[in-house]
Amino acid sequence: MRLELSSDAFLGHGKAMALLCRSVCHILFLIKVIQNEVGEVGLPVCVEMCIQALKMTSSDHKDSKSTMCKTISCLLPTDLEVKRACQLTEFLLQPTVDSYYAVESLYNEPDQKPEEDESLPVPNSLRCELLLAFKTQWPFDPEFWDWKTLKRNCLALMGEEAAIVSSIDTLNDTDEQEVENALGKLPEYRDLEDFLLTTTNELNEITDEREKNREAKKLREQGFVSARDILPAHLL
């Protein structure tokens, strides 16, 4: 394969060899070779191989599919929808706390605007085929769900570990509420000058009050001020 001078011919041989592959590991090896030899030119062919690998079944089903999801994320690092699909698939393969929060992080990112076909790293038709390959393996289709709906369905698959997520979320919500309450109690200032002026006045008031207390103490010690002069009537 490496002796071929033409990229098209090289990729043609790669696709032919992929059709003969019977394991995900062999396809991953071909993808690595293509990336090393022709780089981005071979990206569409690599994605076709990933689709083929996603449709395979093997004894190490979970590990191989998880590895393929990570590979696809690396091949299309700027495609948020594809990355979400990869991470959701990994979660469905192994619904752990860590994989759950990885899904939450991606689904809480702002949705991307649709790009023109010319600016996509792979043809849109191939991208849609890849997403469909993911969706056929999911127990639900979250395409039109908001995060709360997807979260509820994910937690239902986590068993006892769902309680850990709920506890962490409760702690986070409490911390956020305390911060909001603390910020709400802070005085509002028009600008930096207003803040400095207000703070200076408060410090001056504190200093004056302390000075008055010291003077009163000196006068008491000298016998010029009685307790009746400095204490409120109800304390006498």
C-alpha atoms as a PDB file:
ATOM      1  CA  MET A   1       0.000   0.000   0.000  1.00  0.00           C
ATOM      2  CA  ARG A   2       2.753   2.442   0.918  1.00  0.00           C
ATOM      3  CA  LEU A   3       4.352   2.087  -2.502  1.00  0.00           C
ATOM      4  CA  GLU A   4       1.332   3.693  -4.208  1.00  0.00           C
ATOM      5  CA  LEU A   5       2.062   7.231  -5.385  1.00  0.00           C
ATOM      6  CA  SER A   6      -1.577   8.259  -5.828  1.00  0.00           C
ATOM      7  CA  SER A   7      -3.608   9.093  -2.702  1.00  0.00           C
ATOM      8  CA  ASP A   8      -6.789   7.882  -4.393  1.00  0.00           C
ATOM      9  CA  ALA A   9      -5.231   4.555  -5.241  1.00  0.00           C
ATOM     10  CA  PHE A  10      -3.837   4.245  -1.721  1.00  0.00           C
ATOM     11  CA  LEU A  11      -7.264   4.948  -0.187  1.00  0.00           C
ATOM     12  CA  GLY A  12      -8.917   2.528  -2.619  1.00  0.00           C
ATOM     13  CA  HIS A  13      -6.658  -0.281  -1.424  1.00  0.00           C
ATOM     14  CA  GLY A  14      -7.372   0.744   2.176  1.00  0.00           C
ATOM     15  CA  LYS A  15     -11.134   0.513   1.676  1.00  0.00           C
ATOM     16  CA  ALA A  16     -10.761  -2.885   0.016  1.00  0.00           C
ATOM     17  CA  MET A  17      -8.693  -4.199   2.926  1.00  0.00           C
ATOM     18  CA  ALA A  18     -11.219  -2.812   5.454  1.00  0.00           C
ATOM     19  CA  LEU A  19     -13.973  -4.907   3.848  1.00  0.00           C
ATOM     20  CA  LEU A  20     -11.887  -7.998   4.638  1.00  0.00           C
ATOM     21  CA  CYS A  21     -11.431  -7.055   8.291  1.00  0.00           C
ATOM     22  CA  ARG A  22     -13.221  -9.159  10.868  1.00  0.00           C
ATOM     23  CA  SER A  23     -12.286  -7.204  13.998  1.00  0.00           C
ATOM     24  CA  VAL A  24     -12.360  -3.633  15.229  1.00  0.00           C
ATOM     25  CA  CYS A  25      -8.652  -3.807  16.037  1.00  0.00           C
ATOM     26  CA  HIS A  26      -7.776  -4.425  12.379  1.00  0.00           C
ATOM     27  CA  ILE A  27      -9.889  -1.444  11.299  1.00  0.00           C
ATOM     28  CA  LEU A  28      -8.252   0.767  13.924  1.00  0.00           C
ATOM     29  CA  PHE A  29      -4.861  -0.250  12.546  1.00  0.00           C
ATOM     30  CA  LEU A  30      -5.923   0.707   9.004  1.00  0.00           C
ATOM     31  CA  ILE A  31      -7.238   4.064  10.219  1.00  0.00           C
ATOM     32  CA  LYS A  32      -3.909   4.795  11.888  1.00  0.00           C
ATOM     33  CA  VAL A  33      -1.991   3.934   8.714  1.00  0.00           C
ATOM     34  CA  ILE A  34      -4.233   6.129   6.550  1.00  0.00           C
ATOM     35  CA  GLN A  35      -3.940   9.067   8.948  1.00  0.00           C
ATOM     36  CA  ASN A  36      -0.165   8.758   8.970  1.00  0.00           C
ATOM     37  CA  GLU A  37       0.135   8.462   5.196  1.00  0.00           C
ATOM     38  CA  VAL A  38      -2.390  10.961   3.797  1.00  0.00           C
ATOM     39  CA  GLY A  39      -3.766  12.878   6.812  1.00  0.00           C
ATOM     40  CA  GLU A  40      -7.005  14.825   6.294  1.00  0.00           C
ATOM     41  CA  VAL A  41      -7.336  13.638   2.699  1.00  0.00           C
ATOM     42  CA  GLY A  42      -8.192  10.204   4.061  1.00  0.00           C
ATOM     43  CA  LEU A  43     -10.655  11.443   6.710  1.00  0.00           C
ATOM     44  CA  PRO A  44     -13.843  10.436   4.810  1.00  0.00           C
ATOM     45  CA  VAL A  45     -12.480   6.914   4.263  1.00  0.00           C
ATOM     46  CA  CYS A  46     -11.580   6.685   7.961  1.00  0.00           C
ATOM     47  CA  VAL A  47     -15.122   7.682   8.911  1.00  0.00           C
ATOM     48  CA  GLU A  48     -16.500   4.998   6.554  1.00  0.00           C
ATOM     49  CA  MET A  49     -14.323   2.467   8.363  1.00  0.00           C
ATOM     50  CA  CYS A  50     -15.607   3.706  11.727  1.00  0.00           C
ATOM     51  CA  ILE A  51     -19.190   3.141  10.574  1.00  0.00           C
ATOM     52  CA  GLN A  52     -18.239  -0.387   9.542  1.00  0.00           C
ATOM     53  CA  ALA A  53     -16.640  -0.990  12.950  1.00  0.00           C
ATOM     54  CA  LEU A  54     -19.699   0.293  14.837  1.00  0.00           C
ATOM     55  CA  LYS A  55     -21.827  -2.324  13.070  1.00  0.00           C
ATOM     56  CA  MET A  56     -19.506  -5.168  14.081  1.00  0.00           C
ATOM     57  CA  THR A  57     -20.102  -7.510  17.019  1.00  0.00           C
ATOM     58  CA  SER A  58     -17.323  -9.209  18.945  1.00  0.00           C
ATOM     59  CA  SER A  59     -16.510 -10.883  22.264  1.00  0.00           C
ATOM     60  CA  ASP A  60     -14.954  -7.631  23.539  1.00  0.00           C
ATOM     61  CA  HIS A  61     -17.990  -5.661  22.352  1.00  0.00           C
ATOM     62  CA  LYS A  62     -17.939  -2.945  25.044  1.00  0.00           C
ATOM     63  CA  ASP A  63     -14.200  -2.254  24.998  1.00  0.00           C
ATOM     64  CA  SER A  64     -13.907  -2.200  21.201  1.00  0.00           C
ATOM     65  CA  LYS A  65     -16.952   0.058  20.752  1.00  0.00           C
ATOM     66  CA  SER A  66     -15.673   2.402  23.460  1.00  0.00           C
ATOM     67  CA  THR A  67     -12.279   2.604  21.729  1.00  0.00           C
ATOM     68  CA  MET A  68     -13.993   3.312  18.408  1.00  0.00           C
ATOM     69  CA  CYS A  69     -16.027   6.141  20.008  1.00  0.00           C
ATOM     70  CA  LYS A  70     -12.824   7.751  21.273  1.00  0.00           C
ATOM     71  CA  THR A  71     -11.264   7.368  17.808  1.00  0.00           C
ATOM     72  CA  ILE A  72     -14.227   9.087  16.124  1.00  0.00           C
ATOM     73  CA  SER A  73     -14.060  11.953  18.628  1.00  0.00           C
ATOM     74  CA  CYS A  74     -10.406  12.436  17.706  1.00  0.00           C
ATOM     75  CA  LEU A  75     -11.143  12.313  13.967  1.00  0.00           C
ATOM     76  CA  LEU A  76     -13.938  14.930  14.246  1.00  0.00           C
ATOM     77  CA  PRO A  77     -12.936  17.021  17.291  1.00  0.00           C
ATOM     78  CA  THR A  78     -14.921  20.146  16.302  1.00  0.00           C
ATOM     79  CA  ASP A  79     -18.241  18.410  15.578  1.00  0.00           C
ATOM     80  CA  LEU A  80     -20.237  18.759  18.811  1.00  0.00           C
ATOM     81  CA  GLU A  81     -23.128  16.546  17.699  1.00  0.00           C
ATOM     82  CA  VAL A  82     -20.775  13.709  16.798  1.00  0.00           C
ATOM     83  CA  LYS A  83     -18.868  14.095  20.062  1.00  0.00           C
ATOM     84  CA  ARG A  84     -22.154  13.959  21.983  1.00  0.00           C
ATOM     85  CA  ALA A  85     -23.099  10.777  20.131  1.00  0.00           C
ATOM     86  CA  CYS A  86     -19.719   9.228  20.917  1.00  0.00           C
ATOM     87  CA  GLN A  87     -19.896  10.081  24.594  1.00  0.00           C
ATOM     88  CA  LEU A  88     -23.524   8.979  24.953  1.00  0.00           C
ATOM     89  CA  THR A  89     -22.635   5.647  23.336  1.00  0.00           C
ATOM     90  CA  GLU A  90     -19.771   5.193  25.791  1.00  0.00           C
ATOM     91  CA  PHE A  91     -22.151   5.927  28.657  1.00  0.00           C
ATOM     92  CA  LEU A  92     -24.716   3.415  27.387  1.00  0.00           C
ATOM     93  CA  LEU A  93     -21.970   0.797  27.134  1.00  0.00           C
ATOM     94  CA  GLN A  94     -20.804   1.503  30.694  1.00  0.00           C
ATOM     95  CA  PRO A  95     -23.199   3.771  32.634  1.00  0.00           C
ATOM     96  CA  THR A  96     -20.821   5.014  35.322  1.00  0.00           C
ATOM     97  CA  VAL A  97     -20.738   8.305  37.230  1.00  0.00           C
ATOM     98  CA  ASP A  98     -17.713   9.524  35.247  1.00  0.00           C
ATOM     99  CA  SER A  99     -19.254   8.720  31.860  1.00  0.00           C
ATOM    100  CA  TYR A 100     -22.521  10.364  32.962  1.00  0.00           C
ATOM    101  CA  TYR A 101     -20.804  13.660  33.797  1.00  0.00           C
ATOM    102  CA  ALA A 102     -18.886  13.522  30.510  1.00  0.00           C
ATOM    103  CA  VAL A 103     -22.249  13.352  28.709  1.00  0.00           C
ATOM    104  CA  GLU A 104     -23.664  16.177  30.855  1.00  0.00           C
ATOM    105  CA  SER A 105     -20.685  18.414  30.068  1.00  0.00           C
ATOM    106  CA  LEU A 106     -21.147  18.042  26.290  1.00  0.00           C
ATOM    107  CA  TYR A 107     -24.933  18.409  26.326  1.00  0.00           C
ATOM    108  CA  ASN A 108     -24.662  21.616  28.359  1.00  0.00           C
ATOM    109  CA  GLU A 109     -22.473  23.225  25.700  1.00  0.00           C
ATOM    110  CA  PRO A 110     -24.314  25.606  23.324  1.00  0.00           C
ATOM    111  CA  ASP A 111     -25.583  23.908  20.158  1.00  0.00           C
ATOM    112  CA  GLN A 112     -23.551  24.555  17.027  1.00  0.00           C
ATOM    113  CA  LYS A 113     -24.993  26.347  14.023  1.00  0.00           C
ATOM    114  CA  PRO A 114     -25.364  24.186  10.901  1.00  0.00           C
ATOM    115  CA  GLU A 115     -22.354  24.524   8.599  1.00  0.00           C
ATOM    116  CA  GLU A 116     -22.261  24.646   4.815  1.00  0.00           C
ATOM    117  CA  ASP A 117     -21.305  21.353   3.173  1.00  0.00           C
ATOM    118  CA  GLU A 118     -18.138  22.938   1.782  1.00  0.00           C
ATOM    119  CA  SER A 119     -16.829  23.745   5.271  1.00  0.00           C
ATOM    120  CA  LEU A 120     -17.509  20.306   6.780  1.00  0.00           C
ATOM    121  CA  PRO A 121     -14.506  17.983   7.275  1.00  0.00           C
ATOM    122  CA  VAL A 122     -16.528  15.129   5.741  1.00  0.00           C
ATOM    123  CA  PRO A 123     -19.587  15.135   3.426  1.00  0.00           C
ATOM    124  CA  ASN A 124     -22.830  15.746   5.301  1.00  0.00           C
ATOM    125  CA  SER A 125     -24.330  12.529   3.930  1.00  0.00           C
ATOM    126  CA  LEU A 126     -21.459  10.539   5.460  1.00  0.00           C
ATOM    127  CA  ARG A 127     -21.851  12.420   8.737  1.00  0.00           C
ATOM    128  CA  CYS A 128     -25.571  11.555   8.837  1.00  0.00           C
ATOM    129  CA  GLU A 129     -24.746   7.911   8.147  1.00  0.00           C
ATOM    130  CA  LEU A 130     -22.324   7.956  11.082  1.00  0.00           C
ATOM    131  CA  LEU A 131     -24.919   9.449  13.445  1.00  0.00           C
ATOM    132  CA  LEU A 132     -27.462   6.868  12.282  1.00  0.00           C
ATOM    133  CA  ALA A 133     -24.984   4.086  13.047  1.00  0.00           C
ATOM    134  CA  PHE A 134     -24.832   5.381  16.616  1.00  0.00           C
ATOM    135  CA  LYS A 135     -28.596   5.809  17.009  1.00  0.00           C
ATOM    136  CA  THR A 136     -29.423   2.274  15.901  1.00  0.00           C
ATOM    137  CA  GLN A 137     -27.582   1.038  19.005  1.00  0.00           C
ATOM    138  CA  TRP A 138     -29.304   3.292  21.540  1.00  0.00           C
ATOM    139  CA  PRO A 139     -32.360   2.279  23.615  1.00  0.00           C
ATOM    140  CA  PHE A 140     -33.845   5.730  22.926  1.00  0.00           C
ATOM    141  CA  ASP A 141     -33.494   8.621  20.465  1.00  0.00           C
ATOM    142  CA  PRO A 142     -32.699  11.900  22.275  1.00  0.00           C
ATOM    143  CA  GLU A 143     -32.546  14.031  19.113  1.00  0.00           C
ATOM    144  CA  PHE A 144     -35.374  16.351  20.201  1.00  0.00           C
ATOM    145  CA  TRP A 145     -34.921  16.012  23.977  1.00  0.00           C
ATOM    146  CA  ASP A 146     -33.684  18.712  26.306  1.00  0.00           C
ATOM    147  CA  TRP A 147     -30.994  17.842  28.843  1.00  0.00           C
ATOM    148  CA  LYS A 148     -33.497  17.244  31.695  1.00  0.00           C
ATOM    149  CA  THR A 149     -35.280  14.528  29.707  1.00  0.00           C
ATOM    150  CA  LEU A 150     -32.031  12.859  28.652  1.00  0.00           C
ATOM    151  CA  LYS A 151     -30.720  13.119  32.220  1.00  0.00           C
ATOM    152  CA  ARG A 152     -33.783  11.327  33.588  1.00  0.00           C
ATOM    153  CA  ASN A 153     -33.341   8.481  31.103  1.00  0.00           C
ATOM    154  CA  CYS A 154     -29.612   8.214  31.810  1.00  0.00           C
ATOM    155  CA  LEU A 155     -30.124   8.056  35.574  1.00  0.00           C
ATOM    156  CA  ALA A 156     -32.692   5.284  35.085  1.00  0.00           C
ATOM    157  CA  LEU A 157     -29.900   3.142  33.575  1.00  0.00           C
ATOM    158  CA  MET A 158     -27.370   3.755  36.366  1.00  0.00           C
ATOM    159  CA  GLY A 159     -28.885   1.707  39.172  1.00  0.00           C
ATOM    160  CA  GLU A 160     -27.366   2.482  42.578  1.00  0.00           C
ATOM    161  CA  GLU A 161     -24.864   4.914  41.075  1.00  0.00           C
ATOM    162  CA  ALA A 162     -27.751   7.259  40.248  1.00  0.00           C
ATOM    163  CA  ALA A 163     -27.927   8.070  43.974  1.00  0.00           C
ATOM    164  CA  ILE A 164     -24.316   9.298  43.834  1.00  0.00           C
ATOM    165  CA  VAL A 165     -25.165  11.679  40.988  1.00  0.00           C
ATOM    166  CA  SER A 166     -28.245  12.952  42.845  1.00  0.00           C
ATOM    167  CA  SER A 167     -26.183  13.595  45.989  1.00  0.00           C
ATOM    168  CA  ILE A 168     -23.492  15.483  44.062  1.00  0.00           C
ATOM    169  CA  ASP A 169     -26.107  17.559  42.236  1.00  0.00           C
ATOM    170  CA  THR A 170     -27.792  18.426  45.550  1.00  0.00           C
ATOM    171  CA  LEU A 171     -24.474  19.595  47.023  1.00  0.00           C
ATOM    172  CA  ASN A 172     -23.710  21.656  43.925  1.00  0.00           C
ATOM    173  CA  ASP A 173     -27.167  23.260  43.985  1.00  0.00           C
ATOM    174  CA  THR A 174     -26.702  24.145  47.684  1.00  0.00           C
ATOM    175  CA  ASP A 175     -23.282  25.712  47.040  1.00  0.00           C
ATOM    176  CA  GLU A 176     -24.646  27.750  44.109  1.00  0.00           C
ATOM    177  CA  GLN A 177     -27.577  28.976  46.225  1.00  0.00           C
ATOM    178  CA  GLU A 178     -25.246  30.049  49.040  1.00  0.00           C
ATOM    179  CA  VAL A 179     -23.092  31.989  46.580  1.00  0.00           C
ATOM    180  CA  GLU A 180     -26.157  33.680  45.084  1.00  0.00           C
ATOM    181  CA  ASN A 181     -27.418  34.601  48.547  1.00  0.00           C
ATOM    182  CA  ALA A 182     -24.031  36.017  49.512  1.00  0.00           C
ATOM    183  CA  LEU A 183     -23.846  38.061  46.322  1.00  0.00           C
ATOM    184  CA  GLY A 184     -27.383  39.309  46.882  1.00  0.00           C
ATOM    185  CA  LYS A 185     -26.402  40.744  50.255  1.00  0.00           C
ATOM    186  CA  LEU A 186     -23.526  42.768  48.853  1.00  0.00           C
ATOM    187  CA  PRO A 187     -24.210  46.507  48.466  1.00  0.00           C
ATOM    188  CA  GLU A 188     -24.458  47.831  44.926  1.00  0.00           C
ATOM    189  CA  TYR A 189     -22.028  50.479  43.720  1.00  0.00           C
ATOM    190  CA  ARG A 190     -22.295  52.683  40.687  1.00  0.00           C
ATOM    191  CA  ASP A 191     -18.600  52.439  39.904  1.00  0.00           C
ATOM    192  CA  LEU A 192     -15.163  52.014  41.464  1.00  0.00           C
ATOM    193  CA  GLU A 193     -15.115  55.607  42.759  1.00  0.00           C
ATOM    194  CA  ASP A 194     -18.431  55.070  44.533  1.00  0.00           C
ATOM    195  CA  PHE A 195     -17.109  51.853  46.084  1.00  0.00           C
ATOM    196  CA  LEU A 196     -13.913  53.520  47.348  1.00  0.00           C
ATOM    197  CA  LEU A 197     -15.809  56.535  48.727  1.00  0.00           C
ATOM    198  CA  THR A 198     -18.345  54.363  50.553  1.00  0.00           C
ATOM    199  CA  THR A 199     -15.652  52.089  51.977  1.00  0.00           C
ATOM    200  CA  THR A 200     -13.570  55.087  53.100  1.00  0.00           C
ATOM    201  CA  ASN A 201     -16.570  56.653  54.874  1.00  0.00           C
ATOM    202  CA  GLU A 202     -17.312  53.390  56.667  1.00  0.00           C
ATOM    203  CA  LEU A 203     -13.699  53.091  57.812  1.00  0.00           C
ATOM    204  CA  ASN A 204     -13.744  56.728  59.016  1.00  0.00           C
ATOM    205  CA  GLU A 205     -16.908  56.074  61.014  1.00  0.00           C
ATOM    206  CA  ILE A 206     -15.328  53.052  62.655  1.00  0.00           C
ATOM    207  CA  THR A 207     -12.176  55.044  63.456  1.00  0.00           C
ATOM    208  CA  ASP A 208     -14.211  57.957  64.954  1.00  0.00           C
ATOM    209  CA  GLU A 209     -16.227  55.559  67.104  1.00  0.00           C
ATOM    210  CA  ARG A 210     -13.065  53.938  68.432  1.00  0.00           C
ATOM    211  CA  GLU A 211     -11.557  57.357  69.172  1.00  0.00           C
ATOM    212  CA  LYS A 212     -14.674  58.398  71.113  1.00  0.00           C
ATOM    213  CA  ASN A 213     -14.515  55.187  73.135  1.00  0.00           C
ATOM    214  CA  ARG A 214     -10.859  55.807  74.010  1.00  0.00           C
ATOM    215  CA  GLU A 215     -11.575  59.413  75.099  1.00  0.00           C
ATOM    216  CA  ALA A 216     -14.508  58.287  77.234  1.00  0.00           C
ATOM    217  CA  LYS A 217     -12.321  55.647  78.865  1.00  0.00           C
ATOM    218  CA  LYS A 218      -9.645  58.248  79.714  1.00  0.00           C
ATOM    219  CA  LEU A 219     -12.257  60.586  81.237  1.00  0.00           C
ATOM    220  CA  ARG A 220     -13.709  57.762  83.313  1.00  0.00           C
ATOM    221  CA  GLU A 221     -10.271  56.898  84.599  1.00  0.00           C
ATOM    222  CA  GLN A 222      -9.732  60.550  85.587  1.00  0.00           C
ATOM    223  CA  GLY A 223     -13.111  60.699  87.344  1.00  0.00           C
ATOM    224  CA  PHE A 224     -14.688  63.287  85.023  1.00  0.00           C
ATOM    225  CA  VAL A 225     -17.360  60.974  83.585  1.00  0.00           C
ATOM    226  CA  SER A 226     -19.710  58.837  85.662  1.00  0.00           C
ATOM    227  CA  ALA A 227     -21.443  55.687  84.599  1.00  0.00           C
ATOM    228  CA  ARG A 228     -24.719  57.662  84.495  1.00  0.00           C
ATOM    229  CA  ASP A 229     -23.235  59.893  81.777  1.00  0.00           C
ATOM    230  CA  ILE A 230     -22.190  57.080  79.440  1.00  0.00           C
ATOM    231  CA  LEU A 231     -24.746  54.332  80.025  1.00  0.00           C
ATOM    232  CA  PRO A 232     -28.349  54.285  78.774  1.00  0.00           C
ATOM    233  CA  ALA A 233     -30.965  54.702  81.482  1.00  0.00           C
ATOM    234  CA  HIS A 234     -32.254  51.099  81.249  1.00  0.00           C
ATOM    235  CA  LEU A 235     -28.766  49.753  82.061  1.00  0.00           C
ATOM    236  CA  LEU A 236     -28.317  51.777  85.250  1.00  0.00           C
END
